[in-house]
């Protein structure tokens, strides 16, 4: 089993807001995503870039994963973002507006030339119909060790706008695109993060969308407000009953009479070895969350 890293709650913070970044050091999110792109005005990008690089290099975010969204490489600021961030050593660089694997290959090549730390990974934003059509190509970049791809992040607002889709409750029109992202991530064994829920004061709506994302296979959710952290962590992390169930299932397969069997009866249903593998993943995630919170 590959290493599991909790990414239940990915809190987006503007890179130009020093107070917000300081506050993020004490918030119980799994990931702090510092944004140098959409959340920073053009005239503030240079100053934000320098302050974010310094904040990342200071290593003040504890065990939280620190991801920085850069500006597009074909624009005025992307190259400068990479040059500043590579020596700072964030856990990942989030590349916006990805439409194919070539953009990720280019970022990986630049990080290598800039002598970025080996553990700095790449995340990819999926924000356009072209990206949806090219999901297999994008996710396949994870097979190239130099690309460092570890995660896809869906941008629903951009997808809705580009697809001329209506933002209806339940996201029915968007679901085929969302599930395509999940399928691509699973095919190439990387994580995938559901996008933001704009109405951050609508607790019930947010909880429903978290539950939908969890049931559809997403590993976590992008957040825009600290109030969303606790419900996201609860939705995307295994509940105590789920952990207990996983422990019991693994124990059942470990019984002497079951060790050589591919399928066994368990609590009124038949389970297979694949269910035991998923149970081990649940326990590994629970353990990783416990370590993050320690």
Protein backbone atom coordinates (compact mmCIF):
# COMPACT_ATOMS: atom_id res chain seq x y z
CA UNK A 1 0.00 0.00 0.00
CA UNK A 2 1.31 3.44 -0.94
CA UNK A 3 1.76 6.06 1.76
CA UNK A 4 -1.51 7.69 2.76
CA UNK A 5 -1.56 11.39 3.55
CA UNK A 6 -4.79 12.92 4.90
CA UNK A 7 -6.18 15.56 2.58
CA UNK A 8 -9.69 15.85 3.99
CA UNK A 9 -9.64 19.63 4.28
CA UNK A 10 -7.68 21.84 1.86
CA UNK A 11 -8.06 25.41 3.10
CA UNK A 12 -7.40 28.07 0.47
CA UNK A 13 -5.70 31.20 1.78
CA UNK A 14 -4.75 34.34 -0.22
CA UNK A 15 -1.00 34.72 -0.42
CA UNK A 16 -1.29 38.47 0.04
CA UNK A 17 -2.99 38.18 3.45
CA UNK A 18 -0.27 37.80 6.06
CA UNK A 19 -2.80 37.74 8.90
CA UNK A 20 -4.70 34.84 7.31
CA UNK A 21 -1.49 32.88 6.80
CA UNK A 22 -0.54 33.38 10.43
CA UNK A 23 -3.96 32.21 11.55
CA UNK A 24 -3.68 29.11 9.36
CA UNK A 25 -0.79 27.87 11.50
CA UNK A 26 -3.26 27.01 14.25
CA UNK A 27 -6.21 25.71 12.24
CA UNK A 28 -7.01 21.96 12.18
CA UNK A 29 -7.00 21.63 8.38
CA UNK A 30 -4.98 18.86 6.76
CA UNK A 31 -3.68 21.11 3.98
CA UNK A 32 -2.99 24.84 3.76
CA UNK A 33 -3.28 25.94 0.14
CA UNK A 34 -1.68 29.36 -0.31
CA UNK A 35 -2.94 31.06 -3.46
CA UNK A 36 -0.72 33.32 -5.56
CA UNK A 37 -3.07 33.22 -8.56
CA UNK A 38 -6.73 34.27 -8.42
CA UNK A 39 -6.66 35.58 -4.85
CA UNK A 40 -3.83 38.09 -5.46
CA UNK A 41 -4.20 41.28 -7.47
CA UNK A 42 -1.60 41.78 -10.27
CA UNK A 43 0.05 44.71 -8.52
CA UNK A 44 0.45 42.68 -5.32
CA UNK A 45 1.90 39.49 -6.81
CA UNK A 46 5.60 40.25 -6.37
CA UNK A 47 5.19 41.19 -2.71
CA UNK A 48 2.92 38.20 -2.06
CA UNK A 49 5.39 35.85 -3.75
CA UNK A 50 8.24 36.98 -1.51
CA UNK A 51 6.20 36.78 1.69
CA UNK A 52 4.78 33.35 0.84
CA UNK A 53 8.22 31.95 0.00
CA UNK A 54 9.49 33.24 3.35
CA UNK A 55 6.50 31.80 5.22
CA UNK A 56 6.94 28.40 3.58
CA UNK A 57 10.68 28.33 4.23
CA UNK A 58 10.09 29.14 7.91
CA UNK A 59 8.30 25.77 8.35
CA UNK A 60 5.74 27.19 10.76
CA UNK A 61 2.71 25.15 9.70
CA UNK A 62 3.42 22.08 11.81
CA UNK A 63 2.43 18.77 10.24
CA UNK A 64 -0.03 20.36 7.84
CA UNK A 65 0.71 19.87 4.18
CA UNK A 66 1.59 23.21 2.58
CA UNK A 67 0.64 23.67 -1.07
CA UNK A 68 1.15 26.86 -3.09
CA UNK A 69 -0.90 27.63 -6.18
CA UNK A 70 1.29 29.47 -8.67
CA UNK A 71 0.31 31.63 -11.60
CA UNK A 72 0.20 30.07 -15.08
CA UNK A 73 3.65 29.49 -16.58
CA UNK A 74 2.61 31.13 -19.85
CA UNK A 75 1.77 34.36 -18.01
CA UNK A 76 3.81 37.12 -16.42
CA UNK A 77 4.32 35.59 -12.98
CA UNK A 78 4.48 31.79 -13.12
CA UNK A 79 8.20 31.46 -13.77
CA UNK A 80 9.02 33.88 -10.97
CA UNK A 81 6.71 31.95 -8.64
CA UNK A 82 8.58 28.70 -9.31
CA UNK A 83 11.98 30.33 -8.90
CA UNK A 84 10.99 31.74 -5.51
CA UNK A 85 9.20 28.66 -4.22
CA UNK A 86 11.58 25.89 -5.29
CA UNK A 87 14.19 26.69 -2.62
CA UNK A 88 11.47 27.38 -0.04
CA UNK A 89 10.37 23.75 -0.22
CA UNK A 90 6.55 23.58 -0.07
CA UNK A 91 5.01 20.13 0.06
CA UNK A 92 3.49 20.75 -3.36
CA UNK A 93 3.06 23.25 -6.17
CA UNK A 94 -0.51 23.54 -7.46
CA UNK A 95 -0.47 24.21 -11.20
CA UNK A 96 -3.55 26.11 -12.45
CA UNK A 97 -5.43 25.69 -15.72
CA UNK A 98 -3.83 22.38 -16.66
CA UNK A 99 -5.07 21.06 -20.01
CA UNK A 100 -2.57 18.27 -20.67
CA UNK A 101 0.41 16.41 -19.30
CA UNK A 102 2.90 18.65 -21.09
CA UNK A 103 2.31 21.50 -18.63
CA UNK A 104 3.10 19.22 -15.71
CA UNK A 105 6.20 17.86 -17.45
CA UNK A 106 7.37 21.46 -17.89
CA UNK A 107 6.86 22.26 -14.20
CA UNK A 108 8.64 19.08 -13.15
CA UNK A 109 11.57 19.94 -15.43
CA UNK A 110 11.81 23.46 -14.03
CA UNK A 111 11.69 22.21 -10.45
CA UNK A 112 14.52 19.80 -11.19
CA UNK A 113 16.65 22.56 -12.73
CA UNK A 114 15.88 24.80 -9.77
CA UNK A 115 17.06 22.00 -7.45
CA UNK A 116 13.74 21.80 -5.62
CA UNK A 117 13.54 19.36 -2.73
CA UNK A 118 12.68 15.82 -3.89
CA UNK A 119 9.60 15.73 -1.64
CA UNK A 120 8.01 18.76 -3.32
CA UNK A 121 5.15 17.32 -5.37
CA UNK A 122 2.89 18.72 -8.10
CA UNK A 123 -0.88 19.10 -7.91
CA UNK A 124 -2.97 19.88 -10.99
CA UNK A 125 -6.08 22.05 -11.25
CA UNK A 126 -8.81 20.63 -13.50
CA UNK A 127 -10.78 23.70 -14.59
CA UNK A 128 -11.84 23.39 -18.23
CA UNK A 129 -13.68 21.10 -20.65
CA UNK A 130 -10.34 20.47 -22.39
CA UNK A 131 -8.90 19.26 -19.10
CA UNK A 132 -11.87 16.93 -18.63
CA UNK A 133 -11.34 15.47 -22.10
CA UNK A 134 -7.63 15.01 -21.35
CA UNK A 135 -7.93 13.64 -17.82
CA UNK A 136 -6.29 10.30 -18.62
CA UNK A 137 -3.32 12.07 -20.22
CA UNK A 138 -3.01 14.48 -17.28
CA UNK A 139 -3.22 11.80 -14.59
CA UNK A 140 -0.82 9.51 -16.48
CA UNK A 141 1.94 12.03 -15.73
CA UNK A 142 2.02 10.48 -12.25
CA UNK A 143 3.89 7.54 -13.81
CA UNK A 144 6.82 9.85 -14.61
CA UNK A 145 8.86 10.29 -11.43
CA UNK A 146 10.29 13.58 -12.67
CA UNK A 147 6.80 15.09 -12.94
CA UNK A 148 6.01 14.42 -9.26
CA UNK A 149 2.22 14.49 -9.79
CA UNK A 150 0.39 13.55 -6.57
CA UNK A 151 -3.10 15.04 -6.75
CA UNK A 152 -5.84 16.46 -8.96
CA UNK A 153 -8.02 19.35 -7.76
CA UNK A 154 -11.36 20.05 -9.44
CA UNK A 155 -12.40 23.66 -10.03
CA UNK A 156 -16.21 23.51 -10.25
CA UNK A 157 -16.80 27.23 -10.69
CA UNK A 158 -14.62 27.33 -13.79
CA UNK A 159 -16.15 24.12 -15.13
CA UNK A 160 -19.68 25.45 -14.65
CA UNK A 161 -18.85 28.67 -16.45
CA UNK A 162 -16.94 27.05 -19.31
CA UNK A 163 -19.57 24.34 -19.78
CA UNK A 164 -22.52 26.75 -19.50
CA UNK A 165 -23.90 24.48 -16.79
CA UNK A 166 -26.42 25.61 -14.21
CA UNK A 167 -25.25 25.45 -10.57
CA UNK A 168 -28.20 23.42 -9.30
CA UNK A 169 -28.28 21.65 -5.91
CA UNK A 170 -26.85 18.16 -6.19
CA UNK A 171 -24.57 19.13 -9.11
CA UNK A 172 -26.36 16.74 -11.48
CA UNK A 173 -25.02 18.33 -14.66
CA UNK A 174 -21.47 18.40 -13.29
CA UNK A 175 -21.39 14.82 -11.97
CA UNK A 176 -20.11 13.12 -15.16
CA UNK A 177 -17.14 15.47 -15.19
CA UNK A 178 -16.47 15.04 -11.47
CA UNK A 179 -16.59 11.26 -11.74
CA UNK A 180 -14.23 11.36 -14.72
CA UNK A 181 -11.69 13.10 -12.46
CA UNK A 182 -12.13 10.44 -9.78
CA UNK A 183 -11.70 7.65 -12.34
CA UNK A 184 -8.51 9.21 -13.72
CA UNK A 185 -7.05 9.67 -10.25
CA UNK A 186 -7.80 6.09 -9.25
CA UNK A 187 -6.43 4.71 -12.52
CA UNK A 188 -3.05 6.30 -11.79
CA UNK A 189 -3.14 5.94 -8.00
CA UNK A 190 -3.15 9.61 -7.04
CA UNK A 191 -5.52 11.65 -4.88
CA UNK A 192 -8.34 13.88 -6.08
CA UNK A 193 -9.86 16.86 -4.24
CA UNK A 194 -13.41 18.12 -4.70
CA UNK A 195 -13.83 21.83 -5.37
CA UNK A 196 -15.13 24.66 -3.24
CA UNK A 197 -18.66 25.26 -2.01
CA UNK A 198 -19.25 28.98 -2.41
CA UNK A 199 -22.04 29.51 0.15
CA UNK A 200 -19.83 29.11 3.21
CA UNK A 201 -22.63 30.19 5.57
CA UNK A 202 -24.87 27.35 4.33
CA UNK A 203 -23.81 24.61 6.73
CA UNK A 204 -26.44 22.11 5.61
CA UNK A 205 -25.66 22.55 1.94
CA UNK A 206 -21.94 22.22 2.59
CA UNK A 207 -22.43 19.05 4.63
CA UNK A 208 -24.54 17.55 1.86
CA UNK A 209 -21.94 18.33 -0.78
CA UNK A 210 -19.15 16.89 1.41
CA UNK A 211 -21.16 13.68 1.82
CA UNK A 212 -21.72 13.54 -1.93
CA UNK A 213 -18.02 14.07 -2.65
CA UNK A 214 -17.00 11.41 -0.12
CA UNK A 215 -19.45 8.88 -1.54
CA UNK A 216 -18.20 9.61 -5.06
CA UNK A 217 -14.62 8.80 -4.06
CA UNK A 218 -13.00 12.19 -3.50
CA UNK A 219 -10.24 12.31 -0.87
CA UNK A 220 -11.14 15.74 0.48
CA UNK A 221 -12.53 19.16 -0.34
CA UNK A 222 -11.17 22.58 -1.14
CA UNK A 223 -12.38 25.09 1.46
CA UNK A 224 -12.72 28.86 1.50
CA UNK A 225 -13.52 29.46 5.18
CA UNK A 226 -12.24 28.00 8.48
CA UNK A 227 -15.80 27.13 9.51
CA UNK A 228 -15.76 24.46 6.80
CA UNK A 229 -12.79 22.57 8.26
CA UNK A 230 -14.53 20.50 10.94
CA UNK A 231 -17.38 19.23 8.74
CA UNK A 232 -14.95 18.40 5.91
CA UNK A 233 -12.69 16.49 8.29
CA UNK A 234 -15.68 14.57 9.63
CA UNK A 235 -17.04 13.75 6.18
CA UNK A 236 -13.82 12.61 4.54
CA UNK A 237 -12.27 10.85 7.52
CA UNK A 238 -13.32 7.39 8.70
CA UNK A 239 -15.93 7.46 11.48
CA UNK A 240 -15.23 5.42 14.65
CA UNK A 241 -17.80 2.84 13.57
CA UNK A 242 -16.07 2.50 10.20
CA UNK A 243 -12.71 1.96 11.90
CA UNK A 244 -14.20 -0.67 14.20
CA UNK A 245 -15.80 -2.42 11.23
CA UNK A 246 -12.47 -2.47 9.40
CA UNK A 247 -10.67 -3.91 12.39
CA UNK A 248 -13.28 -6.64 12.78
CA UNK A 249 -13.17 -7.55 9.09
CA UNK A 250 -9.40 -7.89 9.08
CA UNK A 251 -9.57 -9.97 12.24
CA UNK A 252 -12.13 -12.25 10.61
CA UNK A 253 -9.84 -12.98 7.68
CA UNK A 254 -7.03 -13.68 10.16
CA UNK A 255 -8.94 -16.49 11.83
CA UNK A 256 -7.25 -19.86 11.18
CA UNK A 257 -10.24 -21.24 9.29
CA UNK A 258 -10.36 -18.20 6.98
CA UNK A 259 -6.71 -17.60 6.14
CA UNK A 260 -6.80 -19.58 2.92
CA UNK A 261 -10.23 -18.41 1.77
CA UNK A 262 -10.95 -15.75 -0.81
CA UNK A 263 -14.42 -14.94 0.49
CA UNK A 264 -16.03 -15.36 3.89
CA UNK A 265 -19.36 -14.58 5.57
CA UNK A 266 -19.09 -11.46 7.74
CA UNK A 267 -21.94 -9.88 9.67
CA UNK A 268 -24.64 -11.09 7.33
CA UNK A 269 -22.88 -10.53 4.03
CA UNK A 270 -20.14 -12.11 1.94
CA UNK A 271 -16.84 -10.25 1.83
CA UNK A 272 -13.77 -10.84 -0.32
CA UNK A 273 -10.06 -10.14 0.02
CA UNK A 274 -10.58 -6.84 -1.78
CA UNK A 275 -12.78 -5.75 1.13
CA UNK A 276 -9.94 -6.57 3.51
CA UNK A 277 -7.59 -4.44 1.40
CA UNK A 278 -10.01 -1.51 1.64
CA UNK A 279 -10.31 -2.10 5.40
CA UNK A 280 -6.53 -1.79 5.69
CA UNK A 281 -6.66 1.47 3.77
CA UNK A 282 -9.30 2.78 6.21
CA UNK A 283 -7.09 1.89 9.17
CA UNK A 284 -4.03 3.44 7.53
CA UNK A 285 -5.96 6.67 6.94
CA UNK A 286 -7.17 6.71 10.54
CA UNK A 287 -3.62 6.22 11.76
CA UNK A 288 -2.30 8.98 9.50
CA UNK A 289 -4.98 11.35 10.81
CA UNK A 290 -4.08 10.46 14.41
CA UNK A 291 -0.43 11.24 13.72
CA UNK A 292 -1.35 14.55 12.09
CA UNK A 293 -3.33 15.54 15.17
CA UNK A 294 -0.75 14.36 17.71
